[in-house]
Amino acid sequence: MALTTIVLVKMGAGFLKKLAGNQFEVLNEALEAHGLNPPVQVMSETNIDI
């Protein structure tokens, strides 16, 4: 899976969890990737933890 896809999937899952609450269950956010600090930082600015 491309690094860009991993980042977008994790960000999308973060937004879904934040906006939909418990209406949906995110089962798999993508492969675990290390060193993705910029996306984590961007999402933390919106108060969403990925």
N, C-alpha and C. Protein backbone atom coordinates (compact mmCIF):
# COMPACT_ATOMS: atom_id res chain seq x y z
N MET A 1 0.85 -1.16 0.00
CA MET A 1 0.00 0.00 0.00
C MET A 1 0.90 1.23 0.00
N ALA A 2 0.59 2.18 -0.84
CA ALA A 2 1.41 3.39 -0.94
C ALA A 2 1.32 4.21 0.34
N LEU A 3 2.38 4.89 0.65
CA LEU A 3 2.43 5.71 1.86
C LEU A 3 1.32 6.75 1.87
N THR A 4 1.04 7.36 0.73
CA THR A 4 -0.03 8.36 0.64
C THR A 4 -1.37 7.74 1.01
N THR A 5 -1.62 6.53 0.53
CA THR A 5 -2.88 5.84 0.84
C THR A 5 -2.99 5.55 2.33
N ILE A 6 -1.90 5.13 2.94
CA ILE A 6 -1.90 4.85 4.37
C ILE A 6 -2.28 6.10 5.15
N VAL A 7 -1.66 7.22 4.77
CA VAL A 7 -1.93 8.48 5.45
C VAL A 7 -3.39 8.88 5.28
N LEU A 8 -3.91 8.82 4.05
CA LEU A 8 -5.29 9.24 3.81
C LEU A 8 -6.30 8.34 4.51
N VAL A 9 -6.04 7.04 4.54
CA VAL A 9 -6.95 6.11 5.22
C VAL A 9 -6.98 6.40 6.71
N LYS A 10 -5.82 6.63 7.31
CA LYS A 10 -5.76 6.92 8.75
C LYS A 10 -6.44 8.24 9.06
N MET A 11 -6.25 9.24 8.20
CA MET A 11 -6.89 10.54 8.42
C MET A 11 -8.41 10.42 8.26
N GLY A 12 -8.85 9.67 7.25
CA GLY A 12 -10.28 9.45 7.05
C GLY A 12 -10.92 8.73 8.22
N ALA A 13 -10.22 7.73 8.73
CA ALA A 13 -10.73 6.99 9.89
C ALA A 13 -10.82 7.90 11.11
N GLY A 14 -9.84 8.78 11.27
CA GLY A 14 -9.85 9.72 12.39
C GLY A 14 -11.04 10.66 12.31
N PHE A 15 -11.30 11.20 11.11
CA PHE A 15 -12.46 12.09 10.93
C PHE A 15 -13.77 11.34 11.15
N LEU A 16 -13.87 10.10 10.64
CA LEU A 16 -15.10 9.33 10.83
C LEU A 16 -15.38 9.09 12.30
N LYS A 17 -14.35 8.71 13.04
CA LYS A 17 -14.52 8.47 14.48
C LYS A 17 -14.97 9.74 15.20
N LYS A 18 -14.36 10.88 14.83
CA LYS A 18 -14.66 12.14 15.49
C LYS A 18 -16.08 12.63 15.15
N LEU A 19 -16.45 12.58 13.87
CA LEU A 19 -17.71 13.15 13.43
C LEU A 19 -18.91 12.23 13.61
N ALA A 20 -18.71 10.92 13.49
CA ALA A 20 -19.83 9.98 13.55
C ALA A 20 -19.98 9.34 14.92
N GLY A 21 -19.02 9.57 15.79
CA GLY A 21 -19.11 8.99 17.12
C GLY A 21 -19.14 7.48 17.05
N ASN A 22 -20.12 6.88 17.70
CA ASN A 22 -20.20 5.41 17.73
C ASN A 22 -21.17 4.86 16.70
N GLN A 23 -21.56 5.66 15.70
CA GLN A 23 -22.46 5.18 14.65
C GLN A 23 -21.76 4.18 13.72
N PHE A 24 -20.43 4.27 13.65
CA PHE A 24 -19.64 3.38 12.80
C PHE A 24 -18.50 2.80 13.62
N GLU A 25 -18.07 1.63 13.23
CA GLU A 25 -16.91 1.02 13.87
C GLU A 25 -15.82 0.87 12.81
N VAL A 26 -14.70 1.52 13.03
CA VAL A 26 -13.57 1.42 12.11
C VAL A 26 -12.79 0.17 12.49
N LEU A 27 -12.79 -0.81 11.62
CA LEU A 27 -12.15 -2.08 11.92
C LEU A 27 -10.68 -2.11 11.55
N ASN A 28 -10.32 -1.45 10.47
CA ASN A 28 -8.95 -1.47 10.02
C ASN A 28 -8.61 -0.14 9.39
N GLU A 29 -7.66 0.56 9.97
CA GLU A 29 -7.28 1.87 9.47
C GLU A 29 -6.16 1.81 8.46
N ALA A 30 -5.67 0.69 8.10
CA ALA A 30 -4.59 0.48 7.14
C ALA A 30 -3.41 -0.16 7.86
N LEU A 31 -2.37 -0.36 7.14
CA LEU A 31 -1.17 -0.95 7.73
C LEU A 31 -0.56 0.02 8.72
N GLU A 32 0.10 -0.52 9.70
CA GLU A 32 0.80 0.32 10.68
C GLU A 32 2.05 0.88 10.02
N ALA A 33 2.15 2.17 9.95
CA ALA A 33 3.33 2.80 9.35
C ALA A 33 3.99 3.68 10.40
N HIS A 34 5.28 3.65 10.42
CA HIS A 34 6.03 4.42 11.41
C HIS A 34 6.65 5.64 10.76
N GLY A 35 6.81 6.67 11.53
CA GLY A 35 7.45 7.87 11.03
C GLY A 35 6.53 8.81 10.28
N LEU A 36 5.22 8.71 10.51
CA LEU A 36 4.27 9.59 9.82
C LEU A 36 3.94 10.80 10.69
N ASN A 37 4.95 11.47 11.15
CA ASN A 37 4.73 12.59 12.06
C ASN A 37 3.95 13.75 11.47
N PRO A 38 4.21 14.18 10.21
CA PRO A 38 3.43 15.31 9.68
C PRO A 38 1.92 15.08 9.67
N PRO A 39 1.41 13.93 9.21
CA PRO A 39 -0.04 13.72 9.26
C PRO A 39 -0.58 13.70 10.69
N VAL A 40 0.16 13.10 11.60
CA VAL A 40 -0.28 13.06 12.99
C VAL A 40 -0.35 14.47 13.54
N GLN A 41 0.62 15.28 13.19
CA GLN A 41 0.64 16.67 13.65
C GLN A 41 -0.54 17.46 13.07
N VAL A 42 -0.83 17.28 11.79
CA VAL A 42 -1.95 17.98 11.16
C VAL A 42 -3.26 17.58 11.81
N MET A 43 -3.45 16.28 12.03
CA MET A 43 -4.70 15.82 12.62
C MET A 43 -4.82 16.29 14.07
N SER A 44 -3.71 16.38 14.77
CA SER A 44 -3.78 16.85 16.16
C SER A 44 -4.20 18.31 16.22
N GLU A 45 -3.93 19.07 15.17
CA GLU A 45 -4.37 20.45 15.12
C GLU A 45 -5.89 20.55 15.03
N THR A 46 -6.55 19.49 14.58
CA THR A 46 -8.02 19.46 14.53
C THR A 46 -8.60 18.68 15.72
N ASN A 47 -7.73 18.40 16.70
CA ASN A 47 -8.11 17.65 17.90
C ASN A 47 -8.58 16.23 17.60
N ILE A 48 -7.97 15.62 16.57
CA ILE A 48 -8.29 14.23 16.22
C ILE A 48 -7.00 13.42 16.32
N ASP A 49 -7.03 12.39 17.15
CA ASP A 49 -5.86 11.53 17.37
C ASP A 49 -5.92 10.35 16.41
N ILE A 50 -4.86 10.19 15.62
CA ILE A 50 -4.82 9.01 14.74
C ILE A 50 -3.72 8.11 15.19
